[in-house]
Protein backbone atom coordinates (compact mmCIF):
# COMPACT_ATOMS: atom_id res chain seq x y z
CA MET A 1 -12.46 24.00 83.03
CA SER A 2 -13.18 22.18 79.82
CA SER A 3 -12.62 18.45 79.77
CA GLY A 4 -13.72 15.47 77.71
CA LYS A 5 -11.99 16.81 74.62
CA THR A 6 -10.22 14.62 72.09
CA VAL A 7 -6.73 15.86 71.31
CA ALA A 8 -4.62 14.51 68.47
CA ILE A 9 -0.89 14.29 69.13
CA ILE A 10 1.42 13.83 66.16
CA GLY A 11 4.52 11.95 67.25
CA ALA A 12 5.16 9.44 70.04
CA GLY A 13 8.55 10.71 71.13
CA PRO A 14 9.38 11.98 74.64
CA VAL A 15 7.45 15.24 74.30
CA GLY A 16 4.50 13.64 72.53
CA LEU A 17 4.09 11.01 75.23
CA ALA A 18 4.43 13.69 77.90
CA ALA A 19 1.61 15.63 76.25
CA ALA A 20 -0.57 12.52 76.32
CA ALA A 21 0.18 11.98 80.02
CA HIS A 22 -0.84 15.56 80.84
CA LEU A 23 -4.04 15.18 78.82
CA LEU A 24 -5.02 12.06 80.76
CA GLU A 25 -4.51 13.92 84.03
CA ARG A 26 -6.83 16.63 82.76
CA GLY A 27 -9.57 14.14 81.87
CA MET A 28 -9.15 14.51 78.12
CA THR A 29 -8.65 11.84 75.49
CA PRO A 30 -5.31 11.81 73.67
CA VAL A 31 -4.88 10.01 70.36
CA VAL A 32 -1.21 9.69 69.46
CA LEU A 33 -0.39 9.17 65.79
CA GLU A 34 3.14 7.81 65.34
CA ALA A 35 4.57 7.38 61.85
CA GLY A 36 7.06 4.72 62.97
CA PRO A 37 6.38 1.12 64.04
CA GLU A 38 7.03 1.90 67.73
CA ALA A 39 6.99 4.82 70.13
CA GLY A 40 10.24 6.76 70.15
CA HIS A 41 10.98 5.92 66.53
CA SER A 42 13.17 8.98 65.99
CA VAL A 43 15.13 8.31 69.17
CA ARG A 44 15.84 4.80 67.92
CA GLN A 45 17.78 6.34 65.03
CA TRP A 46 20.35 7.76 67.45
CA GLN A 47 20.19 5.31 70.31
CA HIS A 48 23.98 4.96 70.32
CA VAL A 49 24.35 8.62 71.33
CA GLN A 50 24.72 9.74 74.93
CA LEU A 51 22.61 12.72 75.97
CA PHE A 52 24.23 15.85 77.35
CA SER A 53 21.65 16.14 80.10
CA PRO A 54 21.18 13.76 83.03
CA TRP A 55 18.02 11.82 83.76
CA GLU A 56 16.59 14.51 86.04
CA PHE A 57 15.94 16.68 82.98
CA ASN A 58 14.71 13.91 80.69
CA VAL A 59 11.67 12.57 82.56
CA ASP A 60 8.39 14.47 82.45
CA LYS A 61 6.59 14.81 85.79
CA ALA A 62 3.15 13.75 84.54
CA ALA A 63 4.71 10.79 82.76
CA ALA A 64 6.52 9.80 85.96
CA ARG A 65 3.22 9.92 87.88
CA LEU A 66 1.65 7.71 85.24
CA LEU A 67 4.52 5.22 85.49
CA ALA A 68 4.65 5.05 89.28
CA PRO A 69 1.79 2.52 89.79
CA THR A 70 3.45 0.10 87.34
CA GLY A 71 6.43 -0.47 89.62
CA TRP A 72 8.69 1.60 87.41
CA ASN A 73 12.07 2.37 88.91
CA SER A 74 13.21 5.92 88.26
CA PRO A 75 16.78 6.04 86.91
CA ASP A 76 19.57 7.76 88.84
CA PRO A 77 18.76 11.44 88.24
CA GLN A 78 22.44 12.37 87.90
CA SER A 79 23.44 9.74 85.33
CA TYR A 80 23.51 10.40 81.59
CA PRO A 81 21.51 8.01 79.41
CA THR A 82 22.10 7.05 75.82
CA GLY A 83 19.22 7.22 73.40
CA GLY A 84 18.84 3.47 73.75
CA GLU A 85 18.62 3.73 77.53
CA LEU A 86 16.10 6.53 77.20
CA ILE A 87 13.91 4.14 75.25
CA GLU A 88 14.49 1.06 77.39
CA ARG A 89 14.14 2.67 80.80
CA TYR A 90 11.57 5.36 80.10
CA LEU A 91 9.84 5.61 76.73
CA ALA A 92 9.08 1.93 76.21
CA PRO A 93 7.58 1.40 79.71
CA LEU A 94 5.60 4.63 79.33
CA ALA A 95 4.20 3.55 75.96
CA THR A 96 3.49 -0.10 76.82
CA ARG A 97 2.86 -0.41 80.56
CA THR A 98 0.57 2.56 81.22
CA LYS A 99 -2.78 3.79 79.94
CA LEU A 100 -0.93 5.40 77.05
CA ARG A 101 -0.74 2.06 75.28
CA GLU A 102 -4.45 2.44 74.49
CA THR A 103 -3.93 5.85 72.90
CA ILE A 104 -1.00 5.23 70.55
CA ARG A 105 -1.55 4.32 66.91
CA THR A 106 1.76 3.28 65.36
CA SER A 107 2.62 3.15 61.65
CA SER A 108 0.18 6.04 61.23
CA ARG A 109 1.68 8.85 59.19
CA VAL A 110 -0.29 12.10 59.10
CA THR A 111 -0.68 13.37 55.54
CA ALA A 112 -2.98 16.39 55.95
CA ILE A 113 -4.87 18.45 58.52
CA SER A 114 -7.77 20.85 58.06
CA ARG A 115 -11.01 21.79 59.79
CA VAL A 116 -14.22 19.96 58.99
CA GLY A 117 -16.05 22.00 56.35
CA PHE A 118 -13.45 24.76 56.22
CA ASP A 119 -10.58 25.37 53.87
CA LYS A 120 -7.81 27.77 54.80
CA ALA A 121 -9.59 30.83 53.38
CA LYS A 122 -12.94 30.40 55.17
CA THR A 123 -13.22 32.23 58.52
CA ARG A 124 -16.70 32.58 60.02
CA GLY A 125 -17.39 29.73 62.43
CA ARG A 126 -13.93 28.28 61.96
CA GLU A 127 -13.04 28.10 65.65
CA GLN A 128 -15.99 25.85 66.42
CA ALA A 129 -15.20 23.30 63.71
CA PRO A 130 -13.25 20.19 64.76
CA PHE A 131 -9.96 19.34 63.14
CA GLU A 132 -9.81 16.59 60.55
CA LEU A 133 -6.55 14.65 60.36
CA ARG A 134 -5.88 12.29 57.51
CA TYR A 135 -3.28 9.63 58.08
CA GLN A 136 -2.00 6.55 56.33
CA ASN A 137 -1.48 3.13 57.90
CA GLY A 138 -1.25 -0.45 56.70
CA LYS A 139 -5.00 -0.57 56.04
CA GLY A 140 -4.92 2.56 53.87
CA PRO A 141 -6.12 6.12 54.43
CA GLU A 142 -7.82 6.89 57.75
CA VAL A 143 -9.52 9.99 59.20
CA LEU A 144 -9.47 11.26 62.78
CA ARG A 145 -11.48 14.18 64.15
CA ALA A 146 -10.18 16.08 67.16
CA ASP A 147 -10.93 19.19 69.19
CA ALA A 148 -7.27 20.22 69.25
CA VAL A 149 -3.96 19.17 67.71
CA ILE A 150 -0.42 19.17 69.13
CA ASP A 151 2.21 18.54 66.46
CA VAL A 152 5.36 17.16 68.09
CA SER A 153 6.56 15.20 65.08
CA GLY A 154 10.08 16.58 65.37
CA THR A 155 12.53 17.25 62.57
CA TRP A 156 14.75 14.16 62.55
CA PHE A 157 13.48 12.89 59.23
CA SER A 158 13.83 16.30 57.54
CA PRO A 159 17.59 16.93 57.57
CA ASN A 160 19.13 19.94 55.91
CA PRO A 161 20.94 19.15 52.65
CA ALA A 162 24.66 19.47 52.02
CA GLY A 163 24.41 22.58 49.86
CA SER A 164 25.51 25.72 51.67
CA ASN A 165 22.62 27.70 50.17
CA GLY A 166 19.94 25.53 51.79
CA LEU A 167 19.39 23.53 48.60
CA PRO A 168 20.78 20.10 47.83
CA ALA A 169 24.24 20.27 46.30
CA ILE A 170 24.34 19.55 42.59
CA GLY A 171 24.53 15.76 42.36
CA GLU A 172 23.53 15.18 46.01
CA ARG A 173 20.38 13.24 45.19
CA GLU A 174 22.12 11.18 42.52
CA HIS A 175 24.72 9.99 45.05
CA ALA A 176 22.35 9.43 47.95
CA GLY A 177 23.58 5.87 48.39
CA ARG A 178 26.94 7.16 49.75
CA ILE A 179 25.50 9.97 51.86
CA ALA A 180 24.12 9.73 55.40
CA TYR A 181 22.49 12.47 57.45
CA GLY A 182 22.52 13.29 61.14
CA MET A 183 24.76 11.07 63.24
CA PRO A 184 25.13 7.49 61.95
CA ASP A 185 26.45 4.79 64.27
CA VAL A 186 29.84 4.55 62.58
CA ARG A 187 31.36 2.20 65.15
CA GLY A 188 28.27 0.06 65.62
CA THR A 189 25.61 -0.77 63.08
CA GLY A 190 27.43 1.27 60.40
CA ARG A 191 30.91 -0.13 61.08
CA GLY A 192 31.04 -2.19 57.91
CA ARG A 193 30.14 0.85 55.86
CA TYR A 194 32.75 3.22 57.31
CA ALA A 195 35.67 1.14 58.55
CA GLY A 196 38.81 1.55 56.44
CA LYS A 197 37.23 4.35 54.41
CA THR A 198 37.82 8.04 53.94
CA VAL A 199 34.73 9.64 55.44
CA ALA A 200 33.95 13.33 55.06
CA VAL A 201 31.71 14.90 57.69
CA LEU A 202 30.04 18.22 56.93
CA GLY A 203 28.88 20.41 59.82
CA ALA A 204 30.00 22.15 62.98
CA GLY A 205 27.40 21.05 65.54
CA HIS A 206 27.48 18.30 68.10
CA SER A 207 26.32 15.70 65.60
CA ALA A 208 29.30 16.40 63.38
CA LEU A 209 31.73 16.47 66.28
CA GLY A 210 30.40 13.25 67.74
CA THR A 211 30.64 11.47 64.40
CA LEU A 212 34.20 12.68 63.81
CA ILE A 213 35.26 11.56 67.28
CA ASP A 214 33.81 8.11 66.64
CA LEU A 215 35.57 7.94 63.27
CA ALA A 216 38.88 8.85 64.93
CA ARG A 217 38.34 6.02 67.39
CA LEU A 218 37.39 3.69 64.57
CA ALA A 219 40.69 4.61 62.90
CA GLU A 220 42.52 3.25 65.97
CA GLU A 221 40.76 -0.07 65.44
CA VAL A 222 40.76 -0.25 61.64
CA PRO A 223 43.76 1.16 59.74
CA GLY A 224 42.85 3.18 56.68
CA THR A 225 39.91 4.92 58.29
CA GLN A 226 40.36 8.65 57.62
CA PRO A 227 37.95 11.27 58.99
CA VAL A 228 37.77 14.57 57.11
CA TRP A 229 36.00 17.54 58.63
CA LEU A 230 34.31 19.84 56.11
CA LEU A 231 33.66 23.17 57.81
CA ARG A 232 31.65 25.89 56.13
CA GLY A 233 33.28 28.61 58.23
CA GLY A 234 36.87 29.57 58.67
CA ASP A 235 37.41 29.14 62.42
CA PRO A 236 37.41 25.55 63.73
CA ALA A 237 37.70 26.77 67.32
CA LYS A 238 34.10 28.02 67.25
CA ALA A 239 32.95 24.40 67.30
CA PHE A 240 35.00 23.41 70.33
CA GLY A 241 32.58 24.99 72.80
CA GLY A 242 33.38 26.07 76.33
CA GLY A 243 35.25 22.99 77.53
CA SER A 244 35.49 22.95 81.33
CA ASN A 245 33.50 26.20 81.51
CA ASP A 246 30.40 24.54 80.07
CA LYS A 247 27.84 23.86 82.80
CA LEU A 248 26.67 20.85 80.79
CA ALA A 249 29.75 18.79 81.59
CA ALA A 250 29.14 16.13 78.97
CA ARG A 251 28.87 18.77 76.27
CA GLY A 252 32.05 20.49 77.41
CA GLU A 253 33.90 17.19 77.41
CA LEU A 254 32.78 16.50 73.84
CA GLY A 255 34.25 19.80 72.65
CA SER A 256 37.51 19.29 74.54
CA THR A 257 37.97 15.76 73.20
CA PHE A 258 37.33 16.94 69.67
CA ALA A 259 39.73 19.87 69.95
CA ALA A 260 42.50 17.52 71.08
CA LEU A 261 41.94 15.19 68.11
CA VAL A 262 42.13 18.10 65.69
CA ALA A 263 45.27 19.43 67.36
CA ASP A 264 46.90 16.00 67.06
CA GLY A 265 46.16 15.86 63.34
CA ARG A 266 43.94 12.81 63.68
CA ILE A 267 41.13 14.62 61.92
CA ARG A 268 41.87 16.35 58.64
CA VAL A 269 40.26 19.80 58.48
CA GLU A 270 38.99 21.67 55.40
CA THR A 271 37.76 25.14 56.32
CA ASP A 272 35.67 27.60 54.27
CA PHE A 273 34.21 24.58 52.53
CA GLY A 274 30.72 25.41 51.28
CA VAL A 275 29.68 22.33 49.32
CA THR A 276 28.25 23.08 45.88
CA HIS A 277 28.70 19.85 43.89
CA ILE A 278 28.94 16.12 44.52
CA SER A 279 30.06 13.87 41.68
CA ASP A 280 31.65 10.49 40.95
CA PHE A 281 35.40 10.07 40.89
CA GLU A 282 36.50 6.55 39.99
CA GLY A 283 33.79 5.00 42.13
CA ARG A 284 34.28 7.44 45.00
CA LEU A 285 32.78 10.84 45.82
CA ARG A 286 34.22 14.11 44.63
CA ILE A 287 32.88 16.74 47.03
CA SER A 288 33.45 20.22 45.68
CA ALA A 289 33.20 23.73 47.04
CA GLY A 290 33.01 26.78 44.81
CA ALA A 291 32.49 27.37 41.14
CA CYS A 292 34.24 25.73 38.23
CA CYS A 293 37.77 27.04 37.91
CA GLY A 294 38.17 28.06 41.53
CA ALA A 295 36.55 24.97 43.02
CA ARG A 296 38.27 22.92 45.73
CA SER A 297 37.53 19.24 46.03
CA VAL A 298 37.81 16.45 48.56
CA ILE A 299 37.76 12.81 47.51
CA ALA A 300 35.99 10.50 49.95
CA ASP A 301 34.26 7.15 50.04
CA GLU A 302 31.36 8.35 52.17
CA LEU A 303 29.82 11.68 53.19
CA VAL A 304 27.97 12.38 56.43
CA VAL A 305 25.89 15.56 56.36
CA SER A 306 25.38 16.95 59.88
CA THR A 307 24.08 20.40 59.10
CA GLY A 308 20.91 20.46 61.19
CA PHE A 309 17.27 19.88 60.45
CA ARG A 310 14.16 21.69 59.32
CA PRO A 311 10.44 21.15 60.04
CA ASP A 312 8.19 19.31 57.62
CA LEU A 313 5.28 21.70 57.13
CA SER A 314 3.86 20.02 54.03
CA PHE A 315 0.84 18.46 55.73
CA LEU A 316 -0.08 21.72 57.49
CA SER A 317 -0.80 23.77 54.36
CA GLU A 318 -4.54 24.15 55.12
CA LEU A 319 -3.93 25.55 58.60
CA ARG A 320 -3.34 29.17 59.50
CA LEU A 321 0.16 29.15 60.94
CA ARG A 322 2.04 32.17 62.23
CA LEU A 323 5.69 31.34 61.60
CA ASP A 324 8.83 33.42 61.42
CA PRO A 325 9.84 33.55 57.74
CA ALA A 326 13.48 32.72 58.44
CA ILE A 327 13.52 30.33 61.40
CA GLU A 328 10.10 28.75 60.66
CA ALA A 329 9.28 28.82 64.37
CA PRO A 330 6.25 30.52 65.97
CA VAL A 331 6.76 34.27 65.66
CA ALA A 332 6.81 34.92 69.41
CA LEU A 333 9.40 32.19 69.99
CA ALA A 334 11.68 32.83 67.02
CA PRO A 335 13.57 35.85 68.45
CA LEU A 336 14.50 33.82 71.51
CA ILE A 337 16.13 31.02 69.53
CA ASP A 338 17.36 32.71 66.34
CA PRO A 339 20.82 31.23 65.63
CA ASN A 340 21.77 34.43 63.82
CA GLU A 341 21.66 36.18 67.18
CA HIS A 342 22.90 33.67 69.71
CA SER A 343 24.18 30.19 70.32
CA CYS A 344 23.05 29.08 73.72
CA GLY A 345 21.94 25.89 75.43
CA THR A 346 18.93 27.46 77.08
CA VAL A 347 15.92 29.55 76.16
CA ARG A 348 13.61 30.99 78.80
CA PRO A 349 10.69 28.68 79.58
CA HIS A 350 7.68 29.30 77.40
CA GLY A 351 4.33 27.75 76.64
CA ALA A 352 0.97 28.13 74.95
CA ARG A 353 1.18 31.90 74.61
CA GLU A 354 4.44 31.87 72.64
CA LEU A 355 3.40 28.81 70.64
CA ALA A 356 -0.02 30.10 69.57
CA HIS A 357 -1.03 30.41 65.93
CA ASP A 358 -3.94 31.98 64.07
CA GLU A 359 -5.54 28.51 64.13
CA PRO A 360 -7.07 28.19 67.63
CA GLY A 361 -6.50 24.74 69.09
CA PHE A 362 -3.43 23.95 67.00
CA TYR A 363 0.06 23.96 68.51
CA LEU A 364 3.58 23.12 67.43
CA ALA A 365 5.72 21.81 70.29
CA GLY A 366 8.96 19.97 70.90
CA MET A 367 11.80 20.18 68.44
CA LYS A 368 9.46 21.07 65.61
CA SER A 369 8.44 24.27 67.37
CA TYR A 370 12.06 25.46 67.06
CA GLY A 371 11.90 25.33 63.27
CA ARG A 372 15.45 25.49 61.95
CA ALA A 373 17.02 26.53 65.24
CA PRO A 374 19.20 23.89 66.93
CA THR A 375 19.23 24.68 70.63
CA PHE A 376 16.33 22.60 71.97
CA LEU A 377 16.19 21.07 75.43
CA MET A 378 13.87 18.15 76.10
CA THR A 379 12.80 19.56 79.44
CA THR A 380 11.74 22.74 77.63
CA GLY A 381 9.43 20.59 75.52
CA TYR A 382 7.87 19.10 78.64
CA GLU A 383 7.08 22.59 79.93
CA GLN A 384 5.65 23.51 76.52
CA VAL A 385 3.12 20.69 76.51
CA ARG A 386 2.20 21.15 80.19
CA SER A 387 1.22 24.73 79.35
CA ILE A 388 -0.49 23.76 76.08
CA VAL A 389 -2.62 21.08 77.73
CA ALA A 390 -3.68 23.54 80.43
CA ASP A 391 -4.63 26.00 77.70
CA ILE A 392 -6.70 23.39 75.86
CA ALA A 393 -8.44 22.54 79.13
CA GLY A 394 -9.32 26.21 79.62
CA ASP A 395 -7.04 26.67 82.64
CA LYS A 396 -5.49 29.93 81.49
CA GLU A 397 -3.80 30.57 84.81
CA ALA A 398 -1.89 27.29 84.69
CA ALA A 399 -1.10 27.82 81.02
CA ALA A 400 0.52 31.17 81.78
CA ARG A 401 2.39 29.96 84.86
CA VAL A 402 6.05 28.97 84.51
CA GLU A 403 6.82 25.68 86.23
CA LEU A 404 10.31 25.08 84.90
CA VAL A 405 13.67 26.30 86.12
CA LEU A 406 16.19 25.53 83.44
CA PRO A 407 19.72 24.38 84.30
CA GLU A 408 22.39 26.96 83.56
CA THR A 409 24.25 25.56 80.57
CA GLY A 410 26.71 28.38 80.23
CA VAL A 411 28.91 29.30 77.31
CA CYS A 412 26.47 31.46 75.43
CA THR A 413 27.54 33.81 72.70
CA ARG A 414 25.77 36.54 70.81
CA GLY A 415 26.28 38.08 67.44
CA GLY A 416 25.61 35.09 65.25
CA VAL A 417 26.77 31.53 64.79
CA GLU A 418 28.27 29.87 61.81
CA SER A 419 25.06 28.31 60.58
CA ALA A 420 21.71 27.17 61.79
CA GLY A 421 22.38 23.74 63.03
CA ALA A 422 26.02 24.49 63.55
CA ALA A 423 25.70 24.77 67.23
CA GLY A 424 23.24 23.79 69.83
CA CYS A 425 22.57 21.49 72.56
CA CYS A 426 21.17 18.53 71.13
CA GLY A 427 20.34 17.16 68.56
CA GLY A 428 20.84 15.43 70.81
CA PRO A 429 24.16 14.91 72.77
CA ALA A 430 24.40 15.49 70.13
CA LYS A 431 20.28 17.56 67.68
CA ALA A 432 23.88 15.14 68.50
CA GLU A 433 21.77 16.91 69.14
CA PRO A 434 21.07 14.74 71.69
CA SER A 435 22.29 15.48 74.81
CA ALA A 436 20.31 16.96 77.20
CA CYS A 437 18.29 18.23 74.68
CA CYS A 438 16.53 16.54 72.14
CA ALA A 439 17.68 15.36 68.87
CA ALA A 440 18.17 18.96 67.19
CA ASP A 441 21.14 19.20 65.29
CA GLU A 442 20.84 16.17 64.65
CA SER A 443 22.09 13.88 66.49
CA ALA A 444 22.81 14.06 69.49
CA MET A 445 19.73 14.85 68.98
CA LYS A 446 19.49 17.50 70.83
CA ALA A 447 19.41 15.57 73.75
CA GLY A 448 16.49 13.93 73.70
CA GLY A 449 16.26 13.82 70.48
CA ALA A 450 13.34 13.32 70.07
CA GLY A 451 10.94 14.42 71.50
CA CYS A 452 13.90 15.10 71.58
CA GLY A 453 12.59 14.17 67.28
CA CYS A 454 12.84 15.00 69.79
CA SER A 455 9.55 15.23 69.65
């Protein structure tokens, strides 16, 4: 088996830190480049969200072994953490009280990756050349060379725009000051911004549902708060989920609670609302769907866009990636997670083989490996990096072996979903998305969000 390698990990979320823990066990040297000021930076953006999955699915085994000698107390495996608790009781101790603290470089944003002496077009000898990562920190540009790279930078900071065609709506950028993405903390840190206001929420995933539920509760506390649900499709019931039939109880409860609020008229619903334009209306937002004469409009003070996320591939342009043209996930993985075909909380366990590219030694993992698909589970990410690390070490048998039995989440459908990002596990609780998953749809991050950011 090969050891002694230096492996660059992009992202210090749950899956990134798990990858580093597995590398240490294999005798390799991880270098974790985190764009934020602390580990779990993406998770911190949705720390108010409760995950759909209990602790037993949110702690990586190698990470737990690394934490054990520090006196770490494992949380109750059956309880459901919030993003904040995930940080406080797991990610922060892992990043600061173990050997990982020596491997993490915070405030280090990767700007480009290539191979030393090779551009994208040059082939002969390419596999033997180390990777060169360029990253930016407070001192300026830096360079890191590594034998392999695992990109688990997530998708949290690359939200989909409001426009129904995948592009920003006309006027979206100009009115950015009144638009939030993902799942803002409307009853907590964002209370002053949303209380007493008419707030439109665009999307049909767990992030959107979670935000609308919180706005309905805020309305009980602050009169004048009016949540408006902007739904691109025509059937609100598709977003309610499986209720008591959902094997992820927390996710089922979310859908049932939301359905009751809609039925009671506490959330105004606008269906078939594909946003095309955003403009000013007497100091407020005019959110319009459709063309000129036939356009419908909603007037709101604030807009929350919870339409999923997409991977940032800009700094990977000199690498030979093999990605599905629609989902932007590795080609072997894409058919398993394509939201045009199914909406399901689980995908069969997979690893290095499905995540391979035409660039030996480079891997996408975590939420980013799912591209634009929303159904990511954090525990799936842990299995991904276990397999990837074994592959890097040359242990092909372990890389091919499946060591994960996924929980049955139930309530799967086939035949297409309303939109990528419209359904899914996370995002955590609510990708809300969080939940058991990771930060995928955004917020709930796909349960895990990160790392879940989920990365």
